[in-house]
Amino acid sequence: MARYFQTFRLFAEVAEFLLLERPERRLLVDLSLEPALEPSLDRPGRNPYPHRTTYTLTDPFLIERFLEDVSVGDAIEAEGTFVQSDYIPHRTTCIDTTFLLLDFRRLSHPEQLIPAPAEFAADVLRRLRLH
């Protein structure tokens, strides 16, 4: 029987990242599929990326390359895999899904990115077949 792997490929804006040294060295990267919101006078201190997802880099070479090449606000193309495992405590909740980045590249012209209309995404999902 063939083995199938859960993978992803995305284009996103880097919202934030955090380097952790313990228990093992890893880089947590928050990515947003939407560009940052403009600052607003009526909501000071509001996070400019309200909708984001955290991805993890564990490969030492990729961590160093990310830290050298990428800044908050940069657009990247990334690919990786995700798994569900036992629940891991995180702040006041638990996490069971981990998104692992396996490769990325910084996009040099993020202003050329245009979000796809919702109808397009719905059509793609309708045609998607899982075996």
C-alpha atoms as a PDB file:
ATOM      1  CA  MET A   1       0.000   0.000   0.000  1.00  0.00           C
ATOM      2  CA  ALA A   2       1.275   3.474  -0.839  1.00  0.00           C
ATOM      3  CA  ARG A   3       2.087   5.877   1.975  1.00  0.00           C
ATOM      4  CA  TYR A   4       0.610   9.359   1.872  1.00  0.00           C
ATOM      5  CA  PHE A   5       1.988  12.405   3.608  1.00  0.00           C
ATOM      6  CA  GLN A   6       0.192  15.536   4.697  1.00  0.00           C
ATOM      7  CA  THR A   7       1.987  18.436   3.103  1.00  0.00           C
ATOM      8  CA  PHE A   8       1.339  22.111   2.477  1.00  0.00           C
ATOM      9  CA  ARG A   9       2.624  24.905   0.282  1.00  0.00           C
ATOM     10  CA  LEU A  10       1.781  28.506   1.037  1.00  0.00           C
ATOM     11  CA  PHE A  11       2.505  32.119   0.248  1.00  0.00           C
ATOM     12  CA  ALA A  12       2.321  34.310   3.339  1.00  0.00           C
ATOM     13  CA  GLU A  13       3.616  37.352   5.168  1.00  0.00           C
ATOM     14  CA  VAL A  14       5.918  36.905   8.159  1.00  0.00           C
ATOM     15  CA  ALA A  15       4.078  38.277  11.194  1.00  0.00           C
ATOM     16  CA  GLU A  16       6.568  37.395  13.933  1.00  0.00           C
ATOM     17  CA  PHE A  17       9.166  34.806  14.916  1.00  0.00           C
ATOM     18  CA  LEU A  18      10.725  33.491  18.119  1.00  0.00           C
ATOM     19  CA  LEU A  19      13.914  31.456  18.557  1.00  0.00           C
ATOM     20  CA  LEU A  20      13.715  28.873  21.353  1.00  0.00           C
ATOM     21  CA  GLU A  21      16.842  27.185  22.689  1.00  0.00           C
ATOM     22  CA  ARG A  22      15.216  24.647  25.053  1.00  0.00           C
ATOM     23  CA  PRO A  23      14.272  21.845  25.263  1.00  0.00           C
ATOM     24  CA  GLU A  24      15.602  21.631  21.689  1.00  0.00           C
ATOM     25  CA  ARG A  25      16.561  24.509  19.401  1.00  0.00           C
ATOM     26  CA  ARG A  26      13.682  25.546  17.143  1.00  0.00           C
ATOM     27  CA  LEU A  27      12.331  28.647  15.470  1.00  0.00           C
ATOM     28  CA  LEU A  28       8.636  29.444  15.732  1.00  0.00           C
ATOM     29  CA  VAL A  29       7.396  31.545  12.820  1.00  0.00           C
ATOM     30  CA  ASP A  30       3.982  33.221  12.710  1.00  0.00           C
ATOM     31  CA  LEU A  31       2.700  33.543   9.134  1.00  0.00           C
ATOM     32  CA  SER A  32      -0.338  35.475   7.956  1.00  0.00           C
ATOM     33  CA  LEU A  33      -2.212  34.872   4.723  1.00  0.00           C
ATOM     34  CA  GLU A  34      -3.374  38.497   4.926  1.00  0.00           C
ATOM     35  CA  PRO A  35      -1.162  41.607   4.849  1.00  0.00           C
ATOM     36  CA  ALA A  36      -0.694  43.614   8.035  1.00  0.00           C
ATOM     37  CA  LEU A  37      -3.529  45.931   9.037  1.00  0.00           C
ATOM     38  CA  GLU A  38      -2.837  49.640   9.108  1.00  0.00           C
ATOM     39  CA  PRO A  39      -2.448  51.107  12.612  1.00  0.00           C
ATOM     40  CA  SER A  40      -5.681  52.551  13.936  1.00  0.00           C
ATOM     41  CA  LEU A  41      -6.164  55.405  16.417  1.00  0.00           C
ATOM     42  CA  ASP A  42      -9.273  53.807  17.910  1.00  0.00           C
ATOM     43  CA  ARG A  43      -7.439  50.527  18.715  1.00  0.00           C
ATOM     44  CA  PRO A  44      -3.875  51.340  19.838  1.00  0.00           C
ATOM     45  CA  GLY A  45      -1.616  48.362  20.449  1.00  0.00           C
ATOM     46  CA  ARG A  46      -3.707  46.118  18.213  1.00  0.00           C
ATOM     47  CA  ASN A  47      -1.805  43.272  16.594  1.00  0.00           C
ATOM     48  CA  PRO A  48      -1.408  44.080  12.869  1.00  0.00           C
ATOM     49  CA  TYR A  49      -1.772  40.344  12.064  1.00  0.00           C
ATOM     50  CA  PRO A  50      -4.974  39.157  13.788  1.00  0.00           C
ATOM     51  CA  HIS A  51      -5.190  35.946  11.719  1.00  0.00           C
ATOM     52  CA  ARG A  52      -1.960  33.969  11.736  1.00  0.00           C
ATOM     53  CA  THR A  53      -0.643  30.466  12.193  1.00  0.00           C
ATOM     54  CA  THR A  54       2.563  29.315  13.875  1.00  0.00           C
ATOM     55  CA  TYR A  55       4.989  27.110  11.954  1.00  0.00           C
ATOM     56  CA  THR A  56       8.135  25.442  13.303  1.00  0.00           C
ATOM     57  CA  LEU A  57      11.648  25.162  11.873  1.00  0.00           C
ATOM     58  CA  THR A  58      13.909  22.546  13.470  1.00  0.00           C
ATOM     59  CA  ASP A  59      16.676  22.120  10.884  1.00  0.00           C
ATOM     60  CA  PRO A  60      19.731  24.138  12.089  1.00  0.00           C
ATOM     61  CA  PHE A  61      20.666  25.238   8.552  1.00  0.00           C
ATOM     62  CA  LEU A  62      17.104  26.456   7.788  1.00  0.00           C
ATOM     63  CA  ILE A  63      16.921  28.299  11.122  1.00  0.00           C
ATOM     64  CA  GLU A  64      20.133  30.223  10.399  1.00  0.00           C
ATOM     65  CA  ARG A  65      19.091  30.964   6.809  1.00  0.00           C
ATOM     66  CA  PHE A  66      15.696  32.235   7.985  1.00  0.00           C
ATOM     67  CA  LEU A  67      17.247  34.479  10.660  1.00  0.00           C
ATOM     68  CA  GLU A  68      19.710  35.931   8.119  1.00  0.00           C
ATOM     69  CA  ASP A  69      17.357  36.366   5.139  1.00  0.00           C
ATOM     70  CA  VAL A  70      13.878  37.115   6.485  1.00  0.00           C
ATOM     71  CA  SER A  71      12.304  39.957   8.493  1.00  0.00           C
ATOM     72  CA  VAL A  72       8.833  40.641   9.840  1.00  0.00           C
ATOM     73  CA  GLY A  73       6.695  41.913   6.959  1.00  0.00           C
ATOM     74  CA  ASP A  74       8.520  39.911   4.282  1.00  0.00           C
ATOM     75  CA  ALA A  75       6.510  37.662   1.999  1.00  0.00           C
ATOM     76  CA  ILE A  76       7.686  34.067   1.701  1.00  0.00           C
ATOM     77  CA  GLU A  77       6.807  30.913  -0.149  1.00  0.00           C
ATOM     78  CA  ALA A  78       7.047  27.901   2.142  1.00  0.00           C
ATOM     79  CA  GLU A  79       6.387  24.203   2.127  1.00  0.00           C
ATOM     80  CA  GLY A  80       6.303  21.580   4.784  1.00  0.00           C
ATOM     81  CA  THR A  81       4.339  18.909   6.542  1.00  0.00           C
ATOM     82  CA  PHE A  82       2.007  18.698   9.502  1.00  0.00           C
ATOM     83  CA  VAL A  83       1.155  16.054  12.050  1.00  0.00           C
ATOM     84  CA  GLN A  84      -1.280  15.548  14.863  1.00  0.00           C
ATOM     85  CA  SER A  85       0.023  14.045  18.070  1.00  0.00           C
ATOM     86  CA  ASP A  86      -0.679  14.067  21.778  1.00  0.00           C
ATOM     87  CA  TYR A  87      -1.810  17.361  23.240  1.00  0.00           C
ATOM     88  CA  ILE A  88       1.009  19.695  24.245  1.00  0.00           C
ATOM     89  CA  PRO A  89       0.257  22.334  26.913  1.00  0.00           C
ATOM     90  CA  HIS A  90       0.589  25.889  25.598  1.00  0.00           C
ATOM     91  CA  ARG A  91      -0.366  28.876  27.770  1.00  0.00           C
ATOM     92  CA  THR A  92      -3.977  28.256  28.788  1.00  0.00           C
ATOM     93  CA  THR A  93      -4.776  25.663  26.120  1.00  0.00           C
ATOM     94  CA  CYS A  94      -3.316  22.598  24.406  1.00  0.00           C
ATOM     95  CA  ILE A  95      -1.966  22.111  20.887  1.00  0.00           C
ATOM     96  CA  ASP A  96      -2.204  18.874  18.952  1.00  0.00           C
ATOM     97  CA  THR A  97      -1.210  19.920  15.408  1.00  0.00           C
ATOM     98  CA  THR A  98       2.326  20.953  14.481  1.00  0.00           C
ATOM     99  CA  PHE A  99       3.225  22.597  11.151  1.00  0.00           C
ATOM    100  CA  LEU A 100       6.857  21.901  10.263  1.00  0.00           C
ATOM    101  CA  LEU A 101       8.521  24.102   7.633  1.00  0.00           C
ATOM    102  CA  LEU A 102      10.848  22.044   5.437  1.00  0.00           C
ATOM    103  CA  ASP A 103      11.862  24.788   2.998  1.00  0.00           C
ATOM    104  CA  PHE A 104      11.142  28.433   2.211  1.00  0.00           C
ATOM    105  CA  ARG A 105      12.199  31.262  -0.032  1.00  0.00           C
ATOM    106  CA  ARG A 106      11.815  34.976   0.461  1.00  0.00           C
ATOM    107  CA  LEU A 107       9.743  36.639  -2.256  1.00  0.00           C
ATOM    108  CA  SER A 108      11.416  39.751  -3.580  1.00  0.00           C
ATOM    109  CA  HIS A 109       8.230  41.484  -4.802  1.00  0.00           C
ATOM    110  CA  PRO A 110       5.477  40.914  -2.217  1.00  0.00           C
ATOM    111  CA  GLU A 111       3.361  43.720  -3.703  1.00  0.00           C
ATOM    112  CA  GLN A 112       2.666  41.421  -6.665  1.00  0.00           C
ATOM    113  CA  LEU A 113       0.800  38.924  -4.468  1.00  0.00           C
ATOM    114  CA  ILE A 114      -2.970  39.083  -4.917  1.00  0.00           C
ATOM    115  CA  PRO A 115      -5.225  36.937  -2.713  1.00  0.00           C
ATOM    116  CA  ALA A 116      -7.343  34.462  -4.660  1.00  0.00           C
ATOM    117  CA  PRO A 117     -11.107  35.016  -4.533  1.00  0.00           C
ATOM    118  CA  ALA A 118     -13.040  32.744  -2.164  1.00  0.00           C
ATOM    119  CA  GLU A 119     -14.853  31.174  -5.145  1.00  0.00           C
ATOM    120  CA  PHE A 120     -11.522  29.971  -6.524  1.00  0.00           C
ATOM    121  CA  ALA A 121     -10.582  28.265  -3.253  1.00  0.00           C
ATOM    122  CA  ALA A 122     -14.019  26.627  -3.015  1.00  0.00           C
ATOM    123  CA  ASP A 123     -13.679  25.309  -6.581  1.00  0.00           C
ATOM    124  CA  VAL A 124     -10.230  23.866  -5.867  1.00  0.00           C
ATOM    125  CA  LEU A 125     -11.453  22.128  -2.712  1.00  0.00           C
ATOM    126  CA  ARG A 126     -14.452  20.721  -4.587  1.00  0.00           C
ATOM    127  CA  ARG A 127     -12.141  19.125  -7.173  1.00  0.00           C
ATOM    128  CA  LEU A 128      -9.683  17.790  -4.562  1.00  0.00           C
ATOM    129  CA  ARG A 129      -9.841  14.021  -4.159  1.00  0.00           C
ATOM    130  CA  LEU A 130      -8.180  12.139  -1.333  1.00  0.00           C
ATOM    131  CA  HIS A 131      -7.454   8.442  -1.762  1.00  0.00           C
END
